[in-house]
Amino acid sequence: MSVSVRIPTILRTYTGGASEVAGEGGTLREVLLKLDADYPGIGARILDESGKIRRFVNVYVGEEDVRFSDGLETSTPDGAQISVIPAVAGG
C-alpha cells in the first residue's frame, strides 16, 4: 500500500528537508520500518528501544490517533496520510 508520511520539522534532517515522503506497508509498523530503511535513523526517533511509539510522539493515520486504535498494527490503506507529531511542552 502506498501512503504519504508527513514529517515534522525536527525530523526533516533525516529526509533531506522533505516535509512529506512516500511510504509503503499495510500496517503502521510496516510503514515505519520501511521509512527507517529509506531514511536511516528516523525510526529511532519515533520508536523507543522496545519498538513502541515514543511517549512524546503522536502518530495519526488520517484523523485517528493510533494510541486509541490498534497502535502499530493500525491499518494503512492505499492513499492514507500518516502524520508524525512530536509533543510540545512549555509553560
PDB file of N, CA and C in Angstrom:
ATOM      1  N   MET A   1       0.827  -1.181   0.000  1.00  0.00           N
ATOM      2  CA  MET A   1       0.000   0.000   0.000  1.00  0.00           C
ATOM      3  C   MET A   1       0.871   1.244   0.000  1.00  0.00           C
ATOM      4  N   SER A   2       0.556   2.190  -0.846  1.00  0.00           N
ATOM      5  CA  SER A   2       1.303   3.434  -0.912  1.00  0.00           C
ATOM      6  C   SER A   2       0.597   4.485  -0.055  1.00  0.00           C
ATOM      7  N   VAL A   3       1.365   5.103   0.835  1.00  0.00           N
ATOM      8  CA  VAL A   3       0.832   6.124   1.734  1.00  0.00           C
ATOM      9  C   VAL A   3       1.760   7.329   1.712  1.00  0.00           C
ATOM     10  N   SER A   4       1.312   8.431   2.299  1.00  0.00           N
ATOM     11  CA  SER A   4       2.197   9.581   2.464  1.00  0.00           C
ATOM     12  C   SER A   4       2.427   9.783   3.957  1.00  0.00           C
ATOM     13  N   VAL A   5       3.649  10.175   4.289  1.00  0.00           N
ATOM     14  CA  VAL A   5       4.024  10.370   5.683  1.00  0.00           C
ATOM     15  C   VAL A   5       4.463  11.820   5.853  1.00  0.00           C
ATOM     16  N   ARG A   6       3.768  12.547   6.705  1.00  0.00           N
ATOM     17  CA  ARG A   6       4.121  13.939   6.995  1.00  0.00           C
ATOM     18  C   ARG A   6       5.214  13.933   8.060  1.00  0.00           C
ATOM     19  N   ILE A   7       6.305  14.624   7.768  1.00  0.00           N
ATOM     20  CA  ILE A   7       7.479  14.637   8.634  1.00  0.00           C
ATOM     21  C   ILE A   7       7.561  15.979   9.365  1.00  0.00           C
ATOM     22  N   PRO A   8       7.657  15.952  10.703  1.00  0.00           N
ATOM     23  CA  PRO A   8       7.777  17.219  11.430  1.00  0.00           C
ATOM     24  C   PRO A   8       9.141  17.858  11.197  1.00  0.00           C
ATOM     25  N   THR A   9       9.214  19.142  11.358  1.00  0.00           N
ATOM     26  CA  THR A   9      10.441  19.903  11.101  1.00  0.00           C
ATOM     27  C   THR A   9      11.656  19.297  11.795  1.00  0.00           C
ATOM     28  N   ILE A  10      11.510  18.872  13.026  1.00  0.00           N
ATOM     29  CA  ILE A  10      12.643  18.363  13.795  1.00  0.00           C
ATOM     30  C   ILE A  10      13.239  17.078  13.198  1.00  0.00           C
ATOM     31  N   LEU A  11      12.477  16.347  12.402  1.00  0.00           N
ATOM     32  CA  LEU A  11      12.972  15.099  11.806  1.00  0.00           C
ATOM     33  C   LEU A  11      13.339  15.225  10.330  1.00  0.00           C
ATOM     34  N   ARG A  12      13.204  16.402   9.789  1.00  0.00           N
ATOM     35  CA  ARG A  12      13.456  16.577   8.350  1.00  0.00           C
ATOM     36  C   ARG A  12      14.924  16.456   7.966  1.00  0.00           C
ATOM     37  N   THR A  13      15.828  16.504   8.935  1.00  0.00           N
ATOM     38  CA  THR A  13      17.242  16.283   8.611  1.00  0.00           C
ATOM     39  C   THR A  13      17.437  14.862   8.081  1.00  0.00           C
ATOM     40  N   TYR A  14      16.580  13.931   8.496  1.00  0.00           N
ATOM     41  CA  TYR A  14      16.662  12.546   8.021  1.00  0.00           C
ATOM     42  C   TYR A  14      16.124  12.390   6.602  1.00  0.00           C
ATOM     43  N   THR A  15      15.227  13.281   6.190  1.00  0.00           N
ATOM     44  CA  THR A  15      14.583  13.159   4.879  1.00  0.00           C
ATOM     45  C   THR A  15      15.096  14.187   3.876  1.00  0.00           C
ATOM     46  N   GLY A  16      16.253  14.756   4.155  1.00  0.00           N
ATOM     47  CA  GLY A  16      16.808  15.754   3.251  1.00  0.00           C
ATOM     48  C   GLY A  16      15.970  17.014   3.171  1.00  0.00           C
ATOM     49  N   GLY A  17      15.225  17.297   4.234  1.00  0.00           N
ATOM     50  CA  GLY A  17      14.407  18.503   4.275  1.00  0.00           C
ATOM     51  C   GLY A  17      12.980  18.312   3.802  1.00  0.00           C
ATOM     52  N   ALA A  18      12.648  17.128   3.305  1.00  0.00           N
ATOM     53  CA  ALA A  18      11.295  16.881   2.793  1.00  0.00           C
ATOM     54  C   ALA A  18      10.278  16.877   3.934  1.00  0.00           C
ATOM     55  N   SER A  19       9.171  17.591   3.727  1.00  0.00           N
ATOM     56  CA  SER A  19       8.118  17.652   4.738  1.00  0.00           C
ATOM     57  C   SER A  19       7.132  16.497   4.599  1.00  0.00           C
ATOM     58  N   GLU A  20       7.170  15.828   3.469  1.00  0.00           N
ATOM     59  CA  GLU A  20       6.297  14.679   3.228  1.00  0.00           C
ATOM     60  C   GLU A  20       7.043  13.699   2.338  1.00  0.00           C
ATOM     61  N   VAL A  21       6.954  12.418   2.690  1.00  0.00           N
ATOM     62  CA  VAL A  21       7.622  11.373   1.910  1.00  0.00           C
ATOM     63  C   VAL A  21       6.632  10.249   1.640  1.00  0.00           C
ATOM     64  N   ALA A  22       6.916   9.469   0.626  1.00  0.00           N
ATOM     65  CA  ALA A  22       6.092   8.302   0.304  1.00  0.00           C
ATOM     66  C   ALA A  22       6.476   7.153   1.220  1.00  0.00           C
ATOM     67  N   GLY A  23       5.501   6.352   1.566  1.00  0.00           N
ATOM     68  CA  GLY A  23       5.743   5.185   2.389  1.00  0.00           C
ATOM     69  C   GLY A  23       4.979   4.000   1.840  1.00  0.00           C
ATOM     70  N   GLU A  24       5.332   2.825   2.348  1.00  0.00           N
ATOM     71  CA  GLU A  24       4.665   1.601   1.903  1.00  0.00           C
ATOM     72  C   GLU A  24       4.450   0.682   3.090  1.00  0.00           C
ATOM     73  N   GLY A  25       3.331  -0.025   3.069  1.00  0.00           N
ATOM     74  CA  GLY A  25       3.051  -1.016   4.095  1.00  0.00           C
ATOM     75  C   GLY A  25       1.573  -1.101   4.386  1.00  0.00           C
ATOM     76  N   GLY A  26       1.141  -2.259   4.820  1.00  0.00           N
ATOM     77  CA  GLY A  26      -0.261  -2.485   5.140  1.00  0.00           C
ATOM     78  C   GLY A  26      -0.627  -2.107   6.556  1.00  0.00           C
ATOM     79  N   THR A  27       0.412  -1.967   7.417  1.00  0.00           N
ATOM     80  CA  THR A  27       0.190  -1.534   8.800  1.00  0.00           C
ATOM     81  C   THR A  27       1.158  -0.397   9.112  1.00  0.00           C
ATOM     82  N   LEU A  28       0.882   0.324  10.171  1.00  0.00           N
ATOM     83  CA  LEU A  28       1.766   1.413  10.578  1.00  0.00           C
ATOM     84  C   LEU A  28       3.163   0.875  10.871  1.00  0.00           C
ATOM     85  N   ARG A  29       3.264  -0.280  11.516  1.00  0.00           N
ATOM     86  CA  ARG A  29       4.569  -0.874  11.803  1.00  0.00           C
ATOM     87  C   ARG A  29       5.375  -1.069  10.510  1.00  0.00           C
ATOM     88  N   GLU A  30       4.738  -1.625   9.483  1.00  0.00           N
ATOM     89  CA  GLU A  30       5.418  -1.850   8.201  1.00  0.00           C
ATOM     90  C   GLU A  30       5.857  -0.535   7.572  1.00  0.00           C
ATOM     91  N   VAL A  31       5.004   0.469   7.640  1.00  0.00           N
ATOM     92  CA  VAL A  31       5.346   1.779   7.077  1.00  0.00           C
ATOM     93  C   VAL A  31       6.556   2.367   7.793  1.00  0.00           C
ATOM     94  N   LEU A  32       6.566   2.297   9.125  1.00  0.00           N
ATOM     95  CA  LEU A  32       7.679   2.873   9.884  1.00  0.00           C
ATOM     96  C   LEU A  32       8.978   2.106   9.654  1.00  0.00           C
ATOM     97  N   LEU A  33       8.907   0.791   9.510  1.00  0.00           N
ATOM     98  CA  LEU A  33      10.111   0.004   9.205  1.00  0.00           C
ATOM     99  C   LEU A  33      10.667   0.378   7.844  1.00  0.00           C
ATOM    100  N   LYS A  34       9.789   0.542   6.855  1.00  0.00           N
ATOM    101  CA  LYS A  34      10.229   0.939   5.515  1.00  0.00           C
ATOM    102  C   LYS A  34      10.779   2.366   5.546  1.00  0.00           C
ATOM    103  N   LEU A  35      10.135   3.240   6.311  1.00  0.00           N
ATOM    104  CA  LEU A  35      10.594   4.618   6.443  1.00  0.00           C
ATOM    105  C   LEU A  35      12.015   4.638   6.997  1.00  0.00           C
ATOM    106  N   ASP A  36      12.282   3.824   8.013  1.00  0.00           N
ATOM    107  CA  ASP A  36      13.618   3.770   8.599  1.00  0.00           C
ATOM    108  C   ASP A  36      14.622   3.161   7.629  1.00  0.00           C
ATOM    109  N   ALA A  37      14.196   2.222   6.805  1.00  0.00           N
ATOM    110  CA  ALA A  37      15.092   1.646   5.796  1.00  0.00           C
ATOM    111  C   ALA A  37      15.454   2.694   4.741  1.00  0.00           C
ATOM    112  N   ASP A  38      14.486   3.516   4.363  1.00  0.00           N
ATOM    113  CA  ASP A  38      14.715   4.558   3.356  1.00  0.00           C
ATOM    114  C   ASP A  38      15.453   5.770   3.920  1.00  0.00           C
ATOM    115  N   TYR A  39      15.229   6.060   5.196  1.00  0.00           N
ATOM    116  CA  TYR A  39      15.818   7.226   5.855  1.00  0.00           C
ATOM    117  C   TYR A  39      16.420   6.774   7.187  1.00  0.00           C
ATOM    118  N   PRO A  40      17.591   6.145   7.146  1.00  0.00           N
ATOM    119  CA  PRO A  40      18.191   5.556   8.350  1.00  0.00           C
ATOM    120  C   PRO A  40      18.266   6.523   9.528  1.00  0.00           C
ATOM    121  N   GLY A  41      17.842   6.018  10.685  1.00  0.00           N
ATOM    122  CA  GLY A  41      17.886   6.792  11.910  1.00  0.00           C
ATOM    123  C   GLY A  41      16.557   7.393  12.317  1.00  0.00           C
ATOM    124  N   ILE A  42      15.673   7.600  11.362  1.00  0.00           N
ATOM    125  CA  ILE A  42      14.404   8.254  11.699  1.00  0.00           C
ATOM    126  C   ILE A  42      13.531   7.360  12.579  1.00  0.00           C
ATOM    127  N   GLY A  43      13.636   6.055  12.388  1.00  0.00           N
ATOM    128  CA  GLY A  43      12.829   5.131  13.181  1.00  0.00           C
ATOM    129  C   GLY A  43      13.114   5.230  14.669  1.00  0.00           C
ATOM    130  N   ALA A  44      14.378   5.402  15.027  1.00  0.00           N
ATOM    131  CA  ALA A  44      14.762   5.501  16.441  1.00  0.00           C
ATOM    132  C   ALA A  44      14.230   6.772  17.088  1.00  0.00           C
ATOM    133  N   ARG A  45      13.886   7.752  16.296  1.00  0.00           N
ATOM    134  CA  ARG A  45      13.324   8.996  16.834  1.00  0.00           C
ATOM    135  C   ARG A  45      11.808   8.872  17.052  1.00  0.00           C
ATOM    136  N   ILE A  46      11.194   7.872  16.405  1.00  0.00           N
ATOM    137  CA  ILE A  46       9.746   7.659  16.528  1.00  0.00           C
ATOM    138  C   ILE A  46       9.441   6.514  17.491  1.00  0.00           C
ATOM    139  N   LEU A  47      10.251   5.453  17.423  1.00  0.00           N
ATOM    140  CA  LEU A  47      10.046   4.271  18.263  1.00  0.00           C
ATOM    141  C   LEU A  47      11.121   4.185  19.336  1.00  0.00           C
ATOM    142  N   ASP A  48      10.745   3.669  20.498  1.00  0.00           N
ATOM    143  CA  ASP A  48      11.727   3.502  21.576  1.00  0.00           C
ATOM    144  C   ASP A  48      12.477   2.181  21.414  1.00  0.00           C
ATOM    145  N   GLU A  49      13.313   1.865  22.392  1.00  0.00           N
ATOM    146  CA  GLU A  49      14.153   0.681  22.334  1.00  0.00           C
ATOM    147  C   GLU A  49      13.353  -0.613  22.302  1.00  0.00           C
ATOM    148  N   SER A  50      12.144  -0.595  22.839  1.00  0.00           N
ATOM    149  CA  SER A  50      11.309  -1.797  22.848  1.00  0.00           C
ATOM    150  C   SER A  50      10.402  -1.881  21.625  1.00  0.00           C
ATOM    151  N   GLY A  51      10.532  -0.916  20.708  1.00  0.00           N
ATOM    152  CA  GLY A  51       9.752  -0.943  19.476  1.00  0.00           C
ATOM    153  C   GLY A  51       8.383  -0.308  19.578  1.00  0.00           C
ATOM    154  N   LYS A  52       8.115   0.397  20.668  1.00  0.00           N
ATOM    155  CA  LYS A  52       6.836   1.087  20.840  1.00  0.00           C
ATOM    156  C   LYS A  52       6.994   2.553  20.459  1.00  0.00           C
ATOM    157  N   ILE A  53       5.874   3.177  20.127  1.00  0.00           N
ATOM    158  CA  ILE A  53       5.903   4.600  19.797  1.00  0.00           C
ATOM    159  C   ILE A  53       6.357   5.367  21.042  1.00  0.00           C
ATOM    160  N   ARG A  54       7.321   6.245  20.857  1.00  0.00           N
ATOM    161  CA  ARG A  54       7.844   7.029  21.981  1.00  0.00           C
ATOM    162  C   ARG A  54       6.713   7.803  22.667  1.00  0.00           C
ATOM    163  N   ARG A  55       6.881   7.982  23.954  1.00  0.00           N
ATOM    164  CA  ARG A  55       5.857   8.613  24.785  1.00  0.00           C
ATOM    165  C   ARG A  55       5.473  10.007  24.293  1.00  0.00           C
ATOM    166  N   PHE A  56       6.433  10.776  23.826  1.00  0.00           N
ATOM    167  CA  PHE A  56       6.157  12.154  23.438  1.00  0.00           C
ATOM    168  C   PHE A  56       6.055  12.345  21.921  1.00  0.00           C
ATOM    169  N   VAL A  57       5.695  11.269  21.234  1.00  0.00           N
ATOM    170  CA  VAL A  57       5.454  11.338  19.793  1.00  0.00           C
ATOM    171  C   VAL A  57       4.034  10.848  19.546  1.00  0.00           C
ATOM    172  N   ASN A  58       3.261  11.626  18.819  1.00  0.00           N
ATOM    173  CA  ASN A  58       1.904  11.237  18.444  1.00  0.00           C
ATOM    174  C   ASN A  58       1.903  10.872  16.976  1.00  0.00           C
ATOM    175  N   VAL A  59       1.225   9.795  16.652  1.00  0.00           N
ATOM    176  CA  VAL A  59       1.143   9.351  15.256  1.00  0.00           C
ATOM    177  C   VAL A  59      -0.330   9.185  14.902  1.00  0.00           C
ATOM    178  N   TYR A  60      -0.685   9.740  13.769  1.00  0.00           N
ATOM    179  CA  TYR A  60      -2.054   9.668  13.276  1.00  0.00           C
ATOM    180  C   TYR A  60      -2.070   8.990  11.918  1.00  0.00           C
ATOM    181  N   VAL A  61      -3.061   8.157  11.709  1.00  0.00           N
ATOM    182  CA  VAL A  61      -3.365   7.630  10.379  1.00  0.00           C
ATOM    183  C   VAL A  61      -4.683   8.289  10.016  1.00  0.00           C
ATOM    184  N   GLY A  62      -4.632   9.178   9.032  1.00  0.00           N
ATOM    185  CA  GLY A  62      -5.792  10.016   8.745  1.00  0.00           C
ATOM    186  C   GLY A  62      -6.029  10.926   9.932  1.00  0.00           C
ATOM    187  N   GLU A  63      -7.216  10.902  10.475  1.00  0.00           N
ATOM    188  CA  GLU A  63      -7.575  11.728  11.634  1.00  0.00           C
ATOM    189  C   GLU A  63      -7.487  10.957  12.945  1.00  0.00           C
ATOM    190  N   GLU A  64      -7.084   9.684  12.882  1.00  0.00           N
ATOM    191  CA  GLU A  64      -7.132   8.811  14.048  1.00  0.00           C
ATOM    192  C   GLU A  64      -5.786   8.697  14.757  1.00  0.00           C
ATOM    193  N   ASP A  65      -5.775   9.009  16.049  1.00  0.00           N
ATOM    194  CA  ASP A  65      -4.591   8.829  16.880  1.00  0.00           C
ATOM    195  C   ASP A  65      -4.434   7.336  17.109  1.00  0.00           C
ATOM    196  N   VAL A  66      -3.313   6.765  16.667  1.00  0.00           N
ATOM    197  CA  VAL A  66      -3.143   5.312  16.718  1.00  0.00           C
ATOM    198  C   VAL A  66      -3.090   4.773  18.139  1.00  0.00           C
ATOM    199  N   ARG A  67      -2.803   5.623  19.121  1.00  0.00           N
ATOM    200  CA  ARG A  67      -2.790   5.157  20.521  1.00  0.00           C
ATOM    201  C   ARG A  67      -4.186   4.697  20.961  1.00  0.00           C
ATOM    202  N   PHE A  68      -5.215   5.212  20.305  1.00  0.00           N
ATOM    203  CA  PHE A  68      -6.584   4.865  20.668  1.00  0.00           C
ATOM    204  C   PHE A  68      -7.211   3.890  19.684  1.00  0.00           C
ATOM    205  N   SER A  69      -6.392   3.318  18.822  1.00  0.00           N
ATOM    206  CA  SER A  69      -6.895   2.290  17.904  1.00  0.00           C
ATOM    207  C   SER A  69      -6.007   1.062  18.051  1.00  0.00           C
ATOM    208  N   ASP A  70      -5.402   0.628  16.990  1.00  0.00           N
ATOM    209  CA  ASP A  70      -4.612  -0.600  17.019  1.00  0.00           C
ATOM    210  C   ASP A  70      -3.117  -0.357  17.123  1.00  0.00           C
ATOM    211  N   GLY A  71      -2.713   0.844  17.519  1.00  0.00           N
ATOM    212  CA  GLY A  71      -1.295   1.133  17.679  1.00  0.00           C
ATOM    213  C   GLY A  71      -0.509   0.878  16.402  1.00  0.00           C
ATOM    214  N   LEU A  72       0.597   0.181  16.529  1.00  0.00           N
ATOM    215  CA  LEU A  72       1.447  -0.095  15.368  1.00  0.00           C
ATOM    216  C   LEU A  72       0.797  -1.050  14.376  1.00  0.00           C
ATOM    217  N   GLU A  73      -0.258  -1.723  14.793  1.00  0.00           N
ATOM    218  CA  GLU A  73      -0.975  -2.627  13.888  1.00  0.00           C
ATOM    219  C   GLU A  73      -2.130  -1.924  13.172  1.00  0.00           C
ATOM    220  N   THR A  74      -2.241  -0.617  13.327  1.00  0.00           N
ATOM    221  CA  THR A  74      -3.268   0.157  12.639  1.00  0.00           C
ATOM    222  C   THR A  74      -3.099  -0.010  11.137  1.00  0.00           C
ATOM    223  N   SER A  75      -4.183  -0.295  10.467  1.00  0.00           N
ATOM    224  CA  SER A  75      -4.174  -0.472   9.016  1.00  0.00           C
ATOM    225  C   SER A  75      -3.831   0.837   8.315  1.00  0.00           C
ATOM    226  N   THR A  76      -3.033   0.740   7.266  1.00  0.00           N
ATOM    227  CA  THR A  76      -2.661   1.911   6.469  1.00  0.00           C
ATOM    228  C   THR A  76      -3.094   1.663   5.021  1.00  0.00           C
ATOM    229  N   PRO A  77      -4.360   1.934   4.722  1.00  0.00           N
ATOM    230  CA  PRO A  77      -4.867   1.684   3.372  1.00  0.00           C
ATOM    231  C   PRO A  77      -4.186   2.554   2.319  1.00  0.00           C
ATOM    232  N   ASP A  78      -4.226   2.103   1.098  1.00  0.00           N
ATOM    233  CA  ASP A  78      -3.638   2.841  -0.008  1.00  0.00           C
ATOM    234  C   ASP A  78      -4.145   4.279  -0.009  1.00  0.00           C
ATOM    235  N   GLY A  79      -3.226   5.232  -0.094  1.00  0.00           N
ATOM    236  CA  GLY A  79      -3.584   6.643  -0.130  1.00  0.00           C
ATOM    237  C   GLY A  79      -3.707   7.306   1.237  1.00  0.00           C
ATOM    238  N   ALA A  80      -3.539   6.542   2.306  1.00  0.00           N
ATOM    239  CA  ALA A  80      -3.660   7.117   3.658  1.00  0.00           C
ATOM    240  C   ALA A  80      -2.556   8.136   3.904  1.00  0.00           C
ATOM    241  N   GLN A  81      -2.854   9.089   4.776  1.00  0.00           N
ATOM    242  CA  GLN A  81      -1.845  10.053   5.193  1.00  0.00           C
ATOM    243  C   GLN A  81      -1.506   9.789   6.655  1.00  0.00           C
ATOM    244  N   ILE A  82      -0.216   9.621   6.907  1.00  0.00           N
ATOM    245  CA  ILE A  82       0.286   9.386   8.253  1.00  0.00           C
ATOM    246  C   ILE A  82       0.977  10.661   8.706  1.00  0.00           C
ATOM    247  N   SER A  83       0.654  11.091   9.908  1.00  0.00           N
ATOM    248  CA  SER A  83       1.277  12.290  10.463  1.00  0.00           C
ATOM    249  C   SER A  83       2.043  11.918  11.725  1.00  0.00           C
ATOM    250  N   VAL A  84       3.302  12.323  11.784  1.00  0.00           N
ATOM    251  CA  VAL A  84       4.139  12.134  12.964  1.00  0.00           C
ATOM    252  C   VAL A  84       4.253  13.509  13.618  1.00  0.00           C
ATOM    253  N   ILE A  85       3.794  13.597  14.872  1.00  0.00           N
ATOM    254  CA  ILE A  85       3.733  14.893  15.534  1.00  0.00           C
ATOM    255  C   ILE A  85       4.387  14.793  16.907  1.00  0.00           C
ATOM    256  N   PRO A  86       5.538  15.446  17.081  1.00  0.00           N
ATOM    257  CA  PRO A  86       6.149  15.436  18.410  1.00  0.00           C
ATOM    258  C   PRO A  86       5.338  16.310  19.356  1.00  0.00           C
ATOM    259  N   ALA A  87       5.226  15.869  20.608  1.00  0.00           N
ATOM    260  CA  ALA A  87       4.508  16.653  21.605  1.00  0.00           C
ATOM    261  C   ALA A  87       5.299  17.921  21.899  1.00  0.00           C
ATOM    262  N   VAL A  88       4.579  18.984  22.195  1.00  0.00           N
ATOM    263  CA  VAL A  88       5.207  20.266  22.501  1.00  0.00           C
ATOM    264  C   VAL A  88       4.964  20.565  23.966  1.00  0.00           C
ATOM    265  N   ALA A  89       6.031  20.905  24.658  1.00  0.00           N
ATOM    266  CA  ALA A  89       5.903  21.242  26.076  1.00  0.00           C
ATOM    267  C   ALA A  89       6.268  22.711  26.267  1.00  0.00           C
ATOM    268  N   GLY A  90       5.774  23.274  27.280  1.00  0.00           N
ATOM    269  CA  GLY A  90       6.085  24.676  27.558  1.00  0.00           C
ATOM    270  C   GLY A  90       5.176  25.197  28.653  1.00  0.00           C
ATOM    271  N   GLY A  91       5.374  26.408  28.952  1.00  0.00           N
ATOM    272  CA  GLY A  91       4.516  26.907  30.019  1.00  0.00           C
ATOM    273  C   GLY A  91       4.621  28.377  30.185  1.00  0.00           C
TER     274      GLY A  91
END
